[in-house]
Amino acid sequence: LHPIGLTAFFVSVGLLGGEKLSGILVQLRKDFFPSLMLEYALWTPFDLAMFSFIPVRHQLLVVNTICLIESVMLSYIKSNGISLPGHESHDDDNKNEKAKKE
């Protein structure tokens, strides 16, 4: 479900923010896979640890806390992009656009 939810996040936040579909697709191409890997890196070990060590009565609170952290991460990625070695970030795109205008 992560790929579907992540795609829905990028598209819905982009559309609600007034972005054009072409801009949303560009961001999806750049940020989808790194964001998905980040989600898997967050949730897989967390789920293993939670179901092993956290009592059932506290699991909802712990999951909600991790969901808050995930929301902050996704909001940051949506605003700033995610930088991987060898890939351009959104800041690089903005610098390139400013340089072209000058």
Protein backbone atom coordinates (compact mmCIF):
# COMPACT_ATOMS: atom_id res chain seq x y z
CA LEU A 1 0.00 0.00 0.00
CA HIS A 2 2.97 2.36 0.45
CA PRO A 3 3.42 3.03 -3.31
CA ILE A 4 -0.27 3.87 -3.75
CA GLY A 5 -0.42 6.09 -0.68
CA LEU A 6 2.82 7.85 -1.58
CA THR A 7 1.61 8.56 -5.11
CA ALA A 8 -1.68 9.85 -3.74
CA PHE A 9 0.22 12.09 -1.31
CA PHE A 10 2.39 13.72 -3.99
CA VAL A 11 -0.52 14.18 -6.41
CA SER A 12 -3.09 15.46 -3.91
CA VAL A 13 -0.74 17.86 -2.11
CA GLY A 14 0.53 19.12 -5.45
CA LEU A 15 -2.95 19.72 -6.85
CA LEU A 16 -4.17 21.36 -3.64
CA GLY A 17 -1.05 23.55 -3.70
CA GLY A 18 -1.89 24.79 -7.19
CA GLU A 19 0.87 22.93 -9.03
CA LYS A 20 0.41 21.87 -12.62
CA LEU A 21 0.18 18.15 -13.34
CA SER A 22 3.41 18.29 -15.34
CA GLY A 23 5.25 19.69 -12.30
CA ILE A 24 3.79 17.00 -10.09
CA LEU A 25 4.92 14.30 -12.50
CA VAL A 26 8.44 15.76 -12.58
CA GLN A 27 8.59 15.65 -8.79
CA LEU A 28 7.21 12.11 -8.76
CA ARG A 29 9.96 11.00 -11.15
CA LYS A 30 12.62 12.59 -8.95
CA ASP A 31 11.36 11.90 -5.45
CA PHE A 32 9.08 8.85 -5.56
CA PHE A 33 11.65 6.06 -5.40
CA PRO A 34 13.88 7.69 -2.74
CA SER A 35 10.78 8.53 -0.68
CA LEU A 36 9.52 4.97 -0.99
CA MET A 37 12.89 3.59 0.14
CA LEU A 38 12.82 6.00 3.08
CA GLU A 39 9.33 4.76 4.00
CA TYR A 40 10.47 1.15 3.87
CA ALA A 41 13.57 2.01 5.92
CA LEU A 42 11.35 3.66 8.54
CA TRP A 43 8.43 1.25 8.76
CA THR A 44 10.02 -2.19 8.34
CA PRO A 45 12.36 -2.07 11.35
CA PHE A 46 9.81 -0.11 13.34
CA ASP A 47 7.08 -2.72 12.76
CA LEU A 48 9.43 -5.55 13.70
CA ALA A 49 10.48 -3.80 16.90
CA MET A 50 6.99 -2.67 17.81
CA PHE A 51 5.32 -6.06 17.48
CA SER A 52 8.20 -7.66 19.38
CA PHE A 53 8.65 -5.25 22.28
CA ILE A 54 5.74 -2.80 22.66
CA PRO A 55 2.71 -3.98 24.65
CA VAL A 56 -0.52 -4.02 22.65
CA ARG A 57 -2.09 -1.31 24.79
CA HIS A 58 0.70 1.14 23.79
CA GLN A 59 1.03 0.21 20.12
CA LEU A 60 -1.53 2.74 18.87
CA LEU A 61 0.27 5.62 20.60
CA VAL A 62 3.63 4.50 19.21
CA VAL A 63 2.27 4.07 15.66
CA ASN A 64 0.67 7.52 15.79
CA THR A 65 3.99 9.02 16.87
CA ILE A 66 5.79 7.38 13.96
CA CYS A 67 3.00 8.56 11.61
CA LEU A 68 3.64 12.11 12.79
CA ILE A 69 7.36 11.73 12.08
CA GLU A 70 6.54 10.26 8.66
CA SER A 71 4.22 13.19 7.88
CA VAL A 72 6.94 15.68 8.75
CA MET A 73 9.43 13.81 6.54
CA LEU A 74 7.02 13.67 3.60
CA SER A 75 6.14 17.35 3.95
CA TYR A 76 9.83 18.24 3.93
CA ILE A 77 10.45 16.08 0.86
CA LYS A 78 7.44 17.59 -0.92
CA SER A 79 8.72 21.11 -0.23
CA ASN A 80 12.45 20.60 -0.72
CA GLY A 81 12.90 17.33 -2.55
CA ILE A 82 15.22 14.60 -1.40
CA SER A 83 18.89 14.66 -2.31
CA LEU A 84 20.72 11.47 -3.11
CA PRO A 85 24.36 11.31 -4.18
CA GLY A 86 24.54 11.85 -7.93
CA HIS A 87 21.04 13.34 -8.20
CA GLU A 88 19.96 16.96 -8.41
CA SER A 89 17.83 18.40 -5.63
CA HIS A 90 14.99 20.90 -6.01
CA ASP A 91 17.38 23.61 -4.84
CA ASP A 92 19.62 22.81 -7.83
CA ASP A 93 16.59 23.14 -10.12
CA ASN A 94 15.71 26.52 -8.62
CA LYS A 95 19.29 27.74 -9.06
CA ASN A 96 19.28 26.54 -12.69
CA GLU A 97 16.00 28.36 -13.38
CA LYS A 98 17.32 31.60 -11.83
CA ALA A 99 20.52 31.34 -13.85
CA LYS A 100 18.54 30.90 -17.08
CA LYS A 101 16.45 34.02 -16.31
CA GLU A 102 19.56 36.13 -15.77
